[in-house]
Amino acid sequence: MNATETTRRQRRKEARPAELAAAALALFVEKGFAATRLDDVAARAGVSKGTLYLYFDSKEALFRAVIEESLLPLIDAFEIKVEALGADPERLLRELLVEWWERFGSTPLGGTCKLMISEAGNFPEVAAYFNDAVIGRWSALLYRVIEAGMEQGVFRRGNPEALRQMVFYPLLMRSVWLHSMAGCVACRAAPDTYFDTYFDVIFRGLLAAPSQENP
């Protein structure tokens, strides 16, 4: 075997965990966690089951790989953005929500939300990991931005946790719908003005009145 072939095989070996995680994500979203078998994942990735076991010994380990490969870097990037734009909470909140949708909610990764809703009761340890690694960190970021906006007089005073839920849940539900009912029934696609309307409604309720900004 020449040096070029050796290098190619080494690169292929290094890329394989990510390929297996991608195959697992697709099957988890399509079939559910319980119904997905390791044989299915191996077949989708184009490898033998023995090869899969060289990297992962269970579906739970594969699910963790999906999170670690795809979602944790995204959460890390969101946390960096919060540090960089903390002085402008309105812009920061808008950018976080748009990026969440474009990089998560509207992509195959968004199917993990539907997956957890349907499978959490049967796989509590998997759900707990997802909550700690993803949901908890993302929720804390939104809470932090809303709370900071209140302290700066940009957002109206209120319960930051209640406002966080009201701000985010419409996007979350849209993602769940996209990865569930949208594939089963005829429904209208989101209009091009969806985000314009969404943010108009959100910020009309969230922004402080002029009298609050300049007492």
N, C-alpha and C. Protein backbone atom coordinates (compact mmCIF):
# COMPACT_ATOMS: atom_id res chain seq x y z
N MET A 1 0.85 -1.20 0.00
CA MET A 1 0.00 0.00 0.00
C MET A 1 0.89 1.25 0.00
N ASN A 2 0.64 2.17 -0.95
CA ASN A 2 1.48 3.36 -1.01
C ASN A 2 1.03 4.40 0.01
N ALA A 3 1.84 5.46 0.13
CA ALA A 3 1.58 6.48 1.15
C ALA A 3 0.25 7.19 0.92
N THR A 4 -0.10 7.44 -0.35
CA THR A 4 -1.36 8.12 -0.66
C THR A 4 -2.55 7.29 -0.22
N GLU A 5 -2.50 5.99 -0.51
CA GLU A 5 -3.60 5.11 -0.11
C GLU A 5 -3.70 5.01 1.40
N THR A 6 -2.55 4.95 2.07
CA THR A 6 -2.55 4.90 3.54
C THR A 6 -3.19 6.15 4.13
N THR A 7 -2.83 7.31 3.58
CA THR A 7 -3.39 8.58 4.06
C THR A 7 -4.89 8.64 3.82
N ARG A 8 -5.34 8.17 2.65
CA ARG A 8 -6.76 8.17 2.33
C ARG A 8 -7.55 7.30 3.30
N ARG A 9 -7.01 6.13 3.59
CA ARG A 9 -7.70 5.23 4.52
C ARG A 9 -7.72 5.81 5.93
N GLN A 10 -6.64 6.49 6.32
CA GLN A 10 -6.61 7.09 7.65
C GLN A 10 -7.65 8.19 7.77
N ARG A 11 -7.75 9.00 6.72
CA ARG A 11 -8.76 10.06 6.74
C ARG A 11 -10.16 9.48 6.79
N ARG A 12 -10.36 8.41 6.04
CA ARG A 12 -11.67 7.75 6.04
C ARG A 12 -11.99 7.22 7.43
N LYS A 13 -11.02 6.63 8.10
CA LYS A 13 -11.22 6.10 9.44
C LYS A 13 -11.56 7.21 10.42
N GLU A 14 -10.89 8.34 10.29
CA GLU A 14 -11.14 9.47 11.20
C GLU A 14 -12.51 10.08 10.96
N ALA A 15 -13.00 10.03 9.71
CA ALA A 15 -14.29 10.63 9.39
C ALA A 15 -15.45 9.71 9.74
N ARG A 16 -15.18 8.43 9.95
CA ARG A 16 -16.26 7.46 10.10
C ARG A 16 -17.18 7.73 11.30
N PRO A 17 -16.67 8.12 12.49
CA PRO A 17 -17.61 8.39 13.59
C PRO A 17 -18.65 9.45 13.23
N ALA A 18 -18.22 10.50 12.52
CA ALA A 18 -19.16 11.54 12.11
C ALA A 18 -20.17 10.99 11.11
N GLU A 19 -19.73 10.12 10.21
CA GLU A 19 -20.64 9.52 9.24
C GLU A 19 -21.66 8.61 9.93
N LEU A 20 -21.22 7.87 10.92
CA LEU A 20 -22.13 7.02 11.67
C LEU A 20 -23.13 7.85 12.47
N ALA A 21 -22.66 8.93 13.05
CA ALA A 21 -23.55 9.81 13.81
C ALA A 21 -24.61 10.42 12.89
N ALA A 22 -24.20 10.81 11.68
CA ALA A 22 -25.16 11.39 10.73
C ALA A 22 -26.21 10.35 10.32
N ALA A 23 -25.78 9.12 10.10
CA ALA A 23 -26.73 8.06 9.75
C ALA A 23 -27.68 7.80 10.91
N ALA A 24 -27.15 7.80 12.12
CA ALA A 24 -27.99 7.58 13.30
C ALA A 24 -29.03 8.69 13.45
N LEU A 25 -28.62 9.94 13.26
CA LEU A 25 -29.55 11.06 13.37
C LEU A 25 -30.70 10.89 12.39
N ALA A 26 -30.38 10.57 11.14
CA ALA A 26 -31.42 10.42 10.12
C ALA A 26 -32.41 9.33 10.52
N LEU A 27 -31.92 8.22 11.03
CA LEU A 27 -32.80 7.11 11.40
C LEU A 27 -33.58 7.41 12.67
N PHE A 28 -32.96 8.04 13.64
CA PHE A 28 -33.67 8.39 14.87
C PHE A 28 -34.87 9.28 14.55
N VAL A 29 -34.66 10.25 13.66
CA VAL A 29 -35.73 11.17 13.32
C VAL A 29 -36.80 10.47 12.48
N GLU A 30 -36.40 9.61 11.56
CA GLU A 30 -37.35 8.91 10.70
C GLU A 30 -38.16 7.85 11.44
N LYS A 31 -37.47 7.04 12.24
CA LYS A 31 -38.10 5.85 12.82
C LYS A 31 -38.34 5.94 14.33
N GLY A 32 -37.66 6.87 15.00
CA GLY A 32 -37.74 6.92 16.45
C GLY A 32 -36.54 6.20 17.07
N PHE A 33 -36.29 6.49 18.31
CA PHE A 33 -35.13 5.91 18.99
C PHE A 33 -35.34 4.41 19.22
N ALA A 34 -36.51 4.04 19.70
CA ALA A 34 -36.76 2.64 20.03
C ALA A 34 -36.71 1.75 18.80
N ALA A 35 -37.24 2.22 17.68
CA ALA A 35 -37.35 1.39 16.48
C ALA A 35 -36.06 1.30 15.68
N THR A 36 -35.12 2.18 15.94
CA THR A 36 -33.85 2.16 15.20
C THR A 36 -32.93 1.09 15.77
N ARG A 37 -32.42 0.23 14.90
CA ARG A 37 -31.48 -0.81 15.31
C ARG A 37 -30.07 -0.42 14.86
N LEU A 38 -29.09 -0.94 15.56
CA LEU A 38 -27.71 -0.66 15.17
C LEU A 38 -27.43 -1.21 13.77
N ASP A 39 -28.07 -2.34 13.42
CA ASP A 39 -27.94 -2.86 12.06
C ASP A 39 -28.38 -1.83 11.02
N ASP A 40 -29.47 -1.11 11.33
CA ASP A 40 -29.99 -0.10 10.42
C ASP A 40 -28.98 1.02 10.23
N VAL A 41 -28.38 1.44 11.35
CA VAL A 41 -27.41 2.54 11.29
C VAL A 41 -26.20 2.13 10.46
N ALA A 42 -25.71 0.92 10.69
CA ALA A 42 -24.56 0.44 9.93
C ALA A 42 -24.87 0.39 8.44
N ALA A 43 -26.06 -0.12 8.10
CA ALA A 43 -26.45 -0.21 6.70
C ALA A 43 -26.57 1.18 6.08
N ARG A 44 -27.17 2.12 6.81
CA ARG A 44 -27.32 3.49 6.27
C ARG A 44 -25.95 4.13 6.04
N ALA A 45 -24.99 3.84 6.91
CA ALA A 45 -23.65 4.42 6.78
C ALA A 45 -22.77 3.65 5.81
N GLY A 46 -23.25 2.47 5.36
CA GLY A 46 -22.48 1.68 4.41
C GLY A 46 -21.32 0.94 5.01
N VAL A 47 -21.47 0.52 6.29
CA VAL A 47 -20.41 -0.25 6.95
C VAL A 47 -21.03 -1.49 7.58
N SER A 48 -20.17 -2.39 8.05
CA SER A 48 -20.67 -3.57 8.75
C SER A 48 -21.02 -3.21 10.19
N LYS A 49 -21.84 -4.06 10.81
CA LYS A 49 -22.18 -3.83 12.22
C LYS A 49 -20.93 -3.92 13.08
N GLY A 50 -20.00 -4.82 12.70
CA GLY A 50 -18.75 -4.93 13.44
C GLY A 50 -17.95 -3.64 13.40
N THR A 51 -17.95 -2.97 12.25
CA THR A 51 -17.25 -1.69 12.15
C THR A 51 -17.89 -0.65 13.04
N LEU A 52 -19.23 -0.64 13.06
CA LEU A 52 -19.93 0.32 13.93
C LEU A 52 -19.51 0.12 15.39
N TYR A 53 -19.41 -1.15 15.81
CA TYR A 53 -19.08 -1.43 17.21
C TYR A 53 -17.64 -1.05 17.56
N LEU A 54 -16.81 -0.81 16.56
CA LEU A 54 -15.47 -0.32 16.85
C LEU A 54 -15.52 1.09 17.43
N TYR A 55 -16.60 1.81 17.12
CA TYR A 55 -16.72 3.20 17.54
C TYR A 55 -17.79 3.41 18.61
N PHE A 56 -18.89 2.68 18.52
CA PHE A 56 -20.01 2.89 19.43
C PHE A 56 -20.55 1.54 19.89
N ASP A 57 -20.83 1.43 21.18
CA ASP A 57 -21.31 0.14 21.70
C ASP A 57 -22.81 0.13 21.98
N SER A 58 -23.50 1.23 21.67
CA SER A 58 -24.94 1.28 21.96
C SER A 58 -25.59 2.43 21.20
N LYS A 59 -26.91 2.41 21.13
CA LYS A 59 -27.64 3.52 20.53
C LYS A 59 -27.47 4.79 21.36
N GLU A 60 -27.40 4.61 22.68
CA GLU A 60 -27.21 5.77 23.54
C GLU A 60 -25.90 6.49 23.22
N ALA A 61 -24.84 5.70 22.99
CA ALA A 61 -23.55 6.29 22.64
C ALA A 61 -23.63 7.01 21.29
N LEU A 62 -24.38 6.44 20.36
CA LEU A 62 -24.57 7.09 19.07
C LEU A 62 -25.32 8.41 19.22
N PHE A 63 -26.33 8.41 20.07
CA PHE A 63 -27.09 9.65 20.28
C PHE A 63 -26.20 10.73 20.88
N ARG A 64 -25.36 10.35 21.83
CA ARG A 64 -24.42 11.31 22.41
C ARG A 64 -23.49 11.86 21.32
N ALA A 65 -23.08 10.99 20.40
CA ALA A 65 -22.20 11.44 19.32
C ALA A 65 -22.90 12.45 18.43
N VAL A 66 -24.19 12.21 18.16
CA VAL A 66 -24.96 13.17 17.37
C VAL A 66 -24.93 14.54 18.04
N ILE A 67 -25.16 14.56 19.34
CA ILE A 67 -25.18 15.82 20.08
C ILE A 67 -23.80 16.46 20.09
N GLU A 68 -22.78 15.67 20.37
CA GLU A 68 -21.44 16.21 20.49
C GLU A 68 -20.88 16.69 19.15
N GLU A 69 -21.23 15.99 18.07
CA GLU A 69 -20.72 16.36 16.75
C GLU A 69 -21.44 17.59 16.19
N SER A 70 -22.74 17.69 16.42
CA SER A 70 -23.53 18.68 15.71
C SER A 70 -24.08 19.81 16.57
N LEU A 71 -24.52 19.51 17.77
CA LEU A 71 -25.23 20.50 18.56
C LEU A 71 -24.35 21.26 19.55
N LEU A 72 -23.43 20.59 20.19
CA LEU A 72 -22.61 21.30 21.18
C LEU A 72 -21.77 22.41 20.55
N PRO A 73 -21.18 22.21 19.36
CA PRO A 73 -20.48 23.33 18.73
C PRO A 73 -21.40 24.51 18.45
N LEU A 74 -22.66 24.21 18.11
CA LEU A 74 -23.62 25.27 17.85
C LEU A 74 -23.94 26.05 19.13
N ILE A 75 -24.15 25.33 20.23
CA ILE A 75 -24.40 26.00 21.50
C ILE A 75 -23.19 26.82 21.92
N ASP A 76 -21.99 26.28 21.70
CA ASP A 76 -20.76 27.03 22.01
C ASP A 76 -20.73 28.35 21.24
N ALA A 77 -21.10 28.30 19.95
CA ALA A 77 -21.10 29.51 19.13
C ALA A 77 -22.13 30.52 19.63
N PHE A 78 -23.28 30.04 20.07
CA PHE A 78 -24.29 30.93 20.62
C PHE A 78 -23.78 31.62 21.89
N GLU A 79 -23.09 30.88 22.72
CA GLU A 79 -22.56 31.46 23.95
C GLU A 79 -21.53 32.54 23.66
N ILE A 80 -20.71 32.33 22.63
CA ILE A 80 -19.73 33.34 22.22
C ILE A 80 -20.45 34.59 21.73
N LYS A 81 -21.52 34.40 20.97
CA LYS A 81 -22.29 35.55 20.46
C LYS A 81 -22.89 36.36 21.59
N VAL A 82 -23.37 35.69 22.62
CA VAL A 82 -23.95 36.39 23.76
C VAL A 82 -22.89 37.27 24.43
N GLU A 83 -21.69 36.75 24.55
CA GLU A 83 -20.61 37.54 25.15
C GLU A 83 -20.28 38.75 24.27
N ALA A 84 -20.31 38.57 22.95
CA ALA A 84 -19.90 39.63 22.03
C ALA A 84 -20.94 40.73 21.88
N LEU A 85 -22.23 40.37 21.95
CA LEU A 85 -23.30 41.33 21.68
C LEU A 85 -24.16 41.63 22.90
N GLY A 86 -23.62 41.38 24.08
CA GLY A 86 -24.41 41.56 25.29
C GLY A 86 -24.91 42.97 25.50
N ALA A 87 -24.24 43.96 24.91
CA ALA A 87 -24.65 45.35 25.09
C ALA A 87 -25.83 45.74 24.21
N ASP A 88 -26.23 44.86 23.30
CA ASP A 88 -27.34 45.15 22.38
C ASP A 88 -28.33 43.99 22.43
N PRO A 89 -29.12 43.88 23.51
CA PRO A 89 -29.97 42.70 23.70
C PRO A 89 -31.03 42.51 22.63
N GLU A 90 -31.54 43.59 22.05
CA GLU A 90 -32.55 43.42 21.01
C GLU A 90 -31.95 42.75 19.77
N ARG A 91 -30.81 43.26 19.30
CA ARG A 91 -30.14 42.64 18.16
C ARG A 91 -29.72 41.22 18.49
N LEU A 92 -29.21 41.02 19.69
CA LEU A 92 -28.72 39.71 20.09
C LEU A 92 -29.85 38.69 20.10
N LEU A 93 -30.98 39.03 20.67
CA LEU A 93 -32.09 38.10 20.72
C LEU A 93 -32.58 37.76 19.32
N ARG A 94 -32.68 38.77 18.47
CA ARG A 94 -33.13 38.54 17.10
C ARG A 94 -32.18 37.58 16.38
N GLU A 95 -30.87 37.82 16.49
CA GLU A 95 -29.88 36.99 15.79
C GLU A 95 -29.86 35.57 16.34
N LEU A 96 -30.00 35.42 17.64
CA LEU A 96 -30.01 34.08 18.23
C LEU A 96 -31.18 33.25 17.70
N LEU A 97 -32.35 33.86 17.65
CA LEU A 97 -33.54 33.13 17.22
C LEU A 97 -33.47 32.77 15.73
N VAL A 98 -33.00 33.69 14.91
CA VAL A 98 -32.86 33.41 13.48
C VAL A 98 -31.83 32.30 13.26
N GLU A 99 -30.70 32.40 13.93
CA GLU A 99 -29.66 31.38 13.76
C GLU A 99 -30.11 30.03 14.29
N TRP A 100 -30.86 30.03 15.40
CA TRP A 100 -31.38 28.75 15.90
C TRP A 100 -32.23 28.07 14.84
N TRP A 101 -33.07 28.85 14.19
CA TRP A 101 -33.94 28.28 13.17
C TRP A 101 -33.14 27.82 11.96
N GLU A 102 -32.24 28.64 11.47
CA GLU A 102 -31.50 28.33 10.24
C GLU A 102 -30.51 27.18 10.43
N ARG A 103 -29.91 27.08 11.62
CA ARG A 103 -28.86 26.09 11.83
C ARG A 103 -29.33 24.87 12.62
N PHE A 104 -30.54 24.96 13.17
CA PHE A 104 -31.05 23.84 13.96
C PHE A 104 -32.50 23.53 13.64
N GLY A 105 -33.42 24.40 13.97
CA GLY A 105 -34.84 24.10 13.90
C GLY A 105 -35.33 23.65 12.54
N SER A 106 -34.82 24.25 11.46
CA SER A 106 -35.29 23.92 10.11
C SER A 106 -34.44 22.85 9.45
N THR A 107 -33.44 22.32 10.14
CA THR A 107 -32.55 21.30 9.59
C THR A 107 -32.89 19.94 10.18
N PRO A 108 -32.28 18.87 9.68
CA PRO A 108 -32.54 17.55 10.28
C PRO A 108 -32.26 17.50 11.78
N LEU A 109 -31.36 18.36 12.27
CA LEU A 109 -31.09 18.38 13.71
C LEU A 109 -32.33 18.74 14.51
N GLY A 110 -33.20 19.55 13.92
CA GLY A 110 -34.43 19.93 14.62
C GLY A 110 -35.31 18.74 14.94
N GLY A 111 -35.12 17.65 14.22
CA GLY A 111 -35.89 16.45 14.50
C GLY A 111 -35.61 15.87 15.87
N THR A 112 -34.50 16.27 16.50
CA THR A 112 -34.21 15.76 17.84
C THR A 112 -35.22 16.28 18.86
N CYS A 113 -35.80 17.45 18.60
CA CYS A 113 -36.82 17.97 19.52
C CYS A 113 -38.06 17.07 19.48
N LYS A 114 -38.50 16.74 18.28
CA LYS A 114 -39.64 15.82 18.14
C LYS A 114 -39.30 14.47 18.76
N LEU A 115 -38.07 14.02 18.52
CA LEU A 115 -37.62 12.74 19.04
C LEU A 115 -37.72 12.70 20.56
N MET A 116 -37.27 13.75 21.22
CA MET A 116 -37.29 13.78 22.68
C MET A 116 -38.72 13.86 23.22
N ILE A 117 -39.58 14.58 22.53
CA ILE A 117 -40.97 14.66 22.98
C ILE A 117 -41.62 13.28 22.95
N SER A 118 -41.33 12.51 21.89
CA SER A 118 -41.98 11.22 21.73
C SER A 118 -41.31 10.10 22.53
N GLU A 119 -40.01 10.22 22.81
CA GLU A 119 -39.27 9.10 23.40
C GLU A 119 -38.79 9.34 24.83
N ALA A 120 -38.95 10.54 25.36
CA ALA A 120 -38.37 10.86 26.67
C ALA A 120 -38.84 9.92 27.77
N GLY A 121 -40.13 9.59 27.76
CA GLY A 121 -40.65 8.73 28.82
C GLY A 121 -40.07 7.33 28.80
N ASN A 122 -39.72 6.84 27.63
CA ASN A 122 -39.17 5.49 27.51
C ASN A 122 -37.65 5.44 27.69
N PHE A 123 -37.00 6.57 27.46
CA PHE A 123 -35.54 6.62 27.57
C PHE A 123 -35.14 7.85 28.41
N PRO A 124 -35.45 7.83 29.69
CA PRO A 124 -35.22 9.01 30.53
C PRO A 124 -33.76 9.43 30.61
N GLU A 125 -32.84 8.49 30.56
CA GLU A 125 -31.42 8.86 30.64
C GLU A 125 -30.98 9.62 29.40
N VAL A 126 -31.47 9.20 28.24
CA VAL A 126 -31.17 9.90 26.99
C VAL A 126 -31.77 11.30 27.03
N ALA A 127 -33.01 11.40 27.49
CA ALA A 127 -33.69 12.69 27.57
C ALA A 127 -32.98 13.61 28.56
N ALA A 128 -32.51 13.06 29.68
CA ALA A 128 -31.82 13.87 30.68
C ALA A 128 -30.51 14.42 30.10
N TYR A 129 -29.82 13.60 29.33
CA TYR A 129 -28.58 14.07 28.71
C TYR A 129 -28.88 15.19 27.73
N PHE A 130 -29.90 15.03 26.89
CA PHE A 130 -30.27 16.06 25.92
C PHE A 130 -30.66 17.36 26.63
N ASN A 131 -31.38 17.22 27.72
CA ASN A 131 -31.81 18.39 28.47
C ASN A 131 -30.62 19.14 29.05
N ASP A 132 -29.68 18.40 29.64
CA ASP A 132 -28.51 19.04 30.25
C ASP A 132 -27.58 19.65 29.21
N ALA A 133 -27.33 18.91 28.13
CA ALA A 133 -26.33 19.33 27.15
C ALA A 133 -26.84 20.39 26.19
N VAL A 134 -28.15 20.37 25.88
CA VAL A 134 -28.67 21.24 24.84
C VAL A 134 -29.75 22.19 25.37
N ILE A 135 -30.86 21.62 25.82
CA ILE A 135 -32.00 22.46 26.20
C ILE A 135 -31.65 23.40 27.35
N GLY A 136 -30.98 22.87 28.37
CA GLY A 136 -30.64 23.69 29.52
C GLY A 136 -29.75 24.86 29.16
N ARG A 137 -28.73 24.60 28.35
CA ARG A 137 -27.80 25.67 27.98
C ARG A 137 -28.47 26.71 27.08
N TRP A 138 -29.26 26.25 26.11
CA TRP A 138 -29.95 27.18 25.22
C TRP A 138 -30.97 28.02 26.00
N SER A 139 -31.72 27.39 26.88
CA SER A 139 -32.71 28.12 27.67
C SER A 139 -32.04 29.16 28.56
N ALA A 140 -30.90 28.79 29.14
CA ALA A 140 -30.17 29.72 30.01
C ALA A 140 -29.69 30.94 29.22
N LEU A 141 -29.29 30.72 27.97
CA LEU A 141 -28.84 31.85 27.14
C LEU A 141 -29.98 32.82 26.87
N LEU A 142 -31.13 32.29 26.46
CA LEU A 142 -32.26 33.18 26.19
C LEU A 142 -32.69 33.91 27.45
N TYR A 143 -32.72 33.21 28.55
CA TYR A 143 -33.08 33.83 29.84
C TYR A 143 -32.12 34.98 30.14
N ARG A 144 -30.84 34.71 29.95
CA ARG A 144 -29.81 35.71 30.25
C ARG A 144 -29.97 36.95 29.39
N VAL A 145 -30.27 36.77 28.11
CA VAL A 145 -30.43 37.91 27.19
C VAL A 145 -31.66 38.72 27.56
N ILE A 146 -32.76 38.04 27.86
CA ILE A 146 -33.99 38.75 28.23
C ILE A 146 -33.82 39.49 29.55
N GLU A 147 -33.19 38.83 30.51
CA GLU A 147 -32.96 39.48 31.80
C GLU A 147 -32.05 40.69 31.65
N ALA A 148 -31.00 40.58 30.84
CA ALA A 148 -30.10 41.71 30.61
C ALA A 148 -30.83 42.85 29.93
N GLY A 149 -31.72 42.51 28.98
CA GLY A 149 -32.49 43.55 28.31
C GLY A 149 -33.39 44.30 29.27
N MET A 150 -33.93 43.61 30.25
CA MET A 150 -34.73 44.28 31.27
C MET A 150 -33.88 45.21 32.10
N GLU A 151 -32.73 44.74 32.51
CA GLU A 151 -31.84 45.55 33.36
C GLU A 151 -31.36 46.79 32.63
N GLN A 152 -31.21 46.70 31.30
CA GLN A 152 -30.75 47.84 30.52
C GLN A 152 -31.90 48.77 30.11
N GLY A 153 -33.12 48.39 30.45
CA GLY A 153 -34.28 49.20 30.09
C GLY A 153 -34.72 49.03 28.65
N VAL A 154 -34.20 48.03 27.95
CA VAL A 154 -34.58 47.79 26.56
C VAL A 154 -35.86 46.97 26.49
N PHE A 155 -35.98 45.96 27.36
CA PHE A 155 -37.16 45.12 27.41
C PHE A 155 -38.03 45.50 28.60
N ARG A 156 -39.31 45.28 28.47
CA ARG A 156 -40.25 45.56 29.53
C ARG A 156 -39.95 44.67 30.74
N ARG A 157 -40.33 45.15 31.89
CA ARG A 157 -40.17 44.36 33.10
C ARG A 157 -41.20 43.23 33.13
N GLY A 158 -40.80 42.08 33.60
CA GLY A 158 -41.69 40.93 33.68
C GLY A 158 -40.92 39.73 34.19
N ASN A 159 -41.54 38.59 34.16
CA ASN A 159 -40.87 37.35 34.57
C ASN A 159 -40.03 36.86 33.39
N PRO A 160 -38.70 36.86 33.52
CA PRO A 160 -37.87 36.49 32.36
C PRO A 160 -38.08 35.06 31.89
N GLU A 161 -38.43 34.16 32.79
CA GLU A 161 -38.67 32.78 32.36
C GLU A 161 -39.97 32.67 31.57
N ALA A 162 -41.01 33.36 32.02
CA ALA A 162 -42.26 33.35 31.26
C ALA A 162 -42.06 33.97 29.89
N LEU A 163 -41.31 35.07 29.83
CA LEU A 163 -41.06 35.73 28.55
C LEU A 163 -40.18 34.86 27.65
N ARG A 164 -39.23 34.17 28.23
CA ARG A 164 -38.38 33.28 27.43
C ARG A 164 -39.23 32.22 26.73
N GLN A 165 -40.15 31.63 27.47
CA GLN A 165 -41.00 30.60 26.89
C GLN A 165 -41.90 31.18 25.80
N MET A 166 -42.47 32.35 26.06
CA MET A 166 -43.36 32.96 25.08
C MET A 166 -42.62 33.35 23.80
N VAL A 167 -41.37 33.77 23.94
CA VAL A 167 -40.56 34.17 22.79
C VAL A 167 -40.15 32.95 21.97
N PHE A 168 -39.75 31.88 22.63
CA PHE A 168 -39.13 30.76 21.92
C PHE A 168 -40.11 29.68 21.47
N TYR A 169 -41.16 29.44 22.22
CA TYR A 169 -42.01 28.29 21.94
C TYR A 169 -42.65 28.31 20.55
N PRO A 170 -43.01 29.46 19.97
CA PRO A 170 -43.54 29.41 18.60
C PRO A 170 -42.56 28.79 17.61
N LEU A 171 -41.27 29.11 17.73
CA LEU A 171 -40.27 28.51 16.84
C LEU A 171 -40.09 27.04 17.13
N LEU A 172 -40.10 26.69 18.40
CA LEU A 172 -39.95 25.28 18.77
C LEU A 172 -41.10 24.46 18.20
N MET A 173 -42.32 24.95 18.34
CA MET A 173 -43.47 24.22 17.83
C MET A 173 -43.43 24.12 16.32
N ARG A 174 -42.96 25.17 15.66
CA ARG A 174 -42.86 25.13 14.20
C ARG A 174 -41.86 24.06 13.77
N SER A 175 -40.77 23.92 14.52
CA SER A 175 -39.77 22.89 14.20
C SER A 175 -40.36 21.50 14.41
N VAL A 176 -41.06 21.30 15.52
CA VAL A 176 -41.69 20.00 15.78
C VAL A 176 -42.68 19.66 14.67
N TRP A 177 -43.48 20.64 14.26
CA TRP A 177 -44.43 20.43 13.17
C TRP A 177 -43.71 20.05 11.88
N LEU A 178 -42.64 20.78 11.58
CA LEU A 178 -41.89 20.54 10.35
C LEU A 178 -41.39 19.10 10.27
N HIS A 179 -40.99 18.55 11.42
CA HIS A 179 -40.41 17.21 11.45
C HIS A 179 -41.43 16.13 11.82
N SER A 180 -42.70 16.49 11.81
CA SER A 180 -43.73 15.49 12.13
C SER A 180 -44.91 15.64 11.17
N MET A 181 -45.89 16.46 11.53
CA MET A 181 -47.13 16.54 10.77
C MET A 181 -46.94 17.10 9.37
N ALA A 182 -45.93 17.93 9.16
CA ALA A 182 -45.74 18.53 7.84
C ALA A 182 -45.49 17.48 6.77
N GLY A 183 -44.96 16.32 7.19
CA GLY A 183 -44.72 15.27 6.23
C GLY A 183 -45.89 14.33 6.02
N CYS A 184 -46.96 14.54 6.77
CA CYS A 184 -48.11 13.63 6.72
C CYS A 184 -49.36 14.24 6.14
N VAL A 185 -49.48 15.55 6.22
CA VAL A 185 -50.71 16.20 5.77
C VAL A 185 -50.35 17.36 4.86
N ALA A 186 -51.31 17.73 4.04
CA ALA A 186 -51.12 18.89 3.18
C ALA A 186 -51.27 20.15 4.04
N CYS A 187 -50.24 20.95 4.05
CA CYS A 187 -50.31 22.18 4.86
C CYS A 187 -49.55 23.28 4.14
N ARG A 188 -49.89 24.48 4.46
CA ARG A 188 -49.22 25.60 3.84
C ARG A 188 -47.80 25.74 4.36
N ALA A 189 -46.89 26.07 3.48
CA ALA A 189 -45.53 26.37 3.91
C ALA A 189 -45.54 27.72 4.61
N ALA A 190 -44.50 27.94 5.42
CA ALA A 190 -44.39 29.23 6.10
C ALA A 190 -44.24 30.32 5.04
N PRO A 191 -44.99 31.40 5.17
CA PRO A 191 -44.85 32.49 4.19
C PRO A 191 -43.48 33.14 4.30
N ASP A 192 -43.08 33.83 3.23
CA ASP A 192 -41.79 34.50 3.23
C ASP A 192 -41.70 35.55 4.33
N THR A 193 -42.84 36.07 4.74
CA THR A 193 -42.86 37.12 5.76
C THR A 193 -42.97 36.56 7.18
N TYR A 194 -42.78 35.23 7.33
CA TYR A 194 -42.99 34.62 8.65
C TYR A 194 -42.15 35.31 9.72
N PHE A 195 -40.85 35.46 9.49
CA PHE A 195 -39.99 36.03 10.53
C PHE A 195 -40.28 37.51 10.74
N ASP A 196 -40.61 38.23 9.68
CA ASP A 196 -40.97 39.63 9.86
C ASP A 196 -42.17 39.75 10.78
N THR A 197 -43.17 38.91 10.55
CA THR A 197 -44.38 38.95 11.39
C THR A 197 -44.08 38.48 12.81
N TYR A 198 -43.31 37.42 12.90
CA TYR A 198 -42.96 36.87 14.22
C TYR A 198 -42.25 37.92 15.07
N PHE A 199 -41.24 38.55 14.51
CA PHE A 199 -40.48 39.53 15.29
C PHE A 199 -41.30 40.78 15.56
N ASP A 200 -42.17 41.16 14.65
CA ASP A 200 -43.04 42.31 14.90
C ASP A 200 -43.90 42.05 16.12
N VAL A 201 -44.50 40.86 16.20
CA VAL A 201 -45.35 40.51 17.34
C VAL A 201 -44.51 40.41 18.62
N ILE A 202 -43.37 39.71 18.53
CA ILE A 202 -42.54 39.49 19.71
C ILE A 202 -42.04 40.80 20.29
N PHE A 203 -41.47 41.65 19.46
CA PHE A 203 -40.85 42.85 20.00
C PHE A 203 -41.85 43.94 20.35
N ARG A 204 -43.03 43.91 19.74
CA ARG A 204 -44.07 44.84 20.19
C ARG A 204 -44.45 44.56 21.64
N GLY A 205 -44.43 43.29 22.01
CA GLY A 205 -44.75 42.95 23.38
C GLY A 205 -43.57 43.02 24.32
N LEU A 206 -42.36 42.84 23.79
CA LEU A 206 -41.18 42.73 24.65
C LEU A 206 -40.49 44.06 24.91
N LEU A 207 -40.46 44.94 23.92
CA LEU A 207 -39.72 46.19 24.09
C LEU A 207 -40.38 47.10 25.12
N ALA A 208 -39.54 47.80 25.87
CA ALA A 208 -40.05 48.72 26.88
C ALA A 208 -40.68 49.92 26.21
N ALA A 209 -41.68 50.49 26.86
CA ALA A 209 -42.29 51.71 26.36
C ALA A 209 -41.32 52.86 26.53
N PRO A 210 -41.44 53.93 25.72
CA PRO A 210 -40.52 55.07 25.84
C PRO A 210 -40.43 55.63 27.25
N SER A 211 -41.57 55.64 27.96
CA SER A 211 -41.56 56.18 29.32
C SER A 211 -40.71 55.33 30.25
N GLN A 212 -40.61 53.99 29.97
CA GLN A 212 -39.78 53.12 30.79
C GLN A 212 -38.31 53.29 30.47
N GLU A 213 -38.02 53.60 29.19
CA GLU A 213 -36.64 53.75 28.77
C GLU A 213 -36.05 55.06 29.30
N ASN A 214 -36.92 56.08 29.39
CA ASN A 214 -36.43 57.40 29.82
C ASN A 214 -37.33 57.93 30.93
N PRO A 215 -37.18 57.38 32.13
CA PRO A 215 -38.08 57.79 33.22
C PRO A 215 -37.86 59.24 33.58
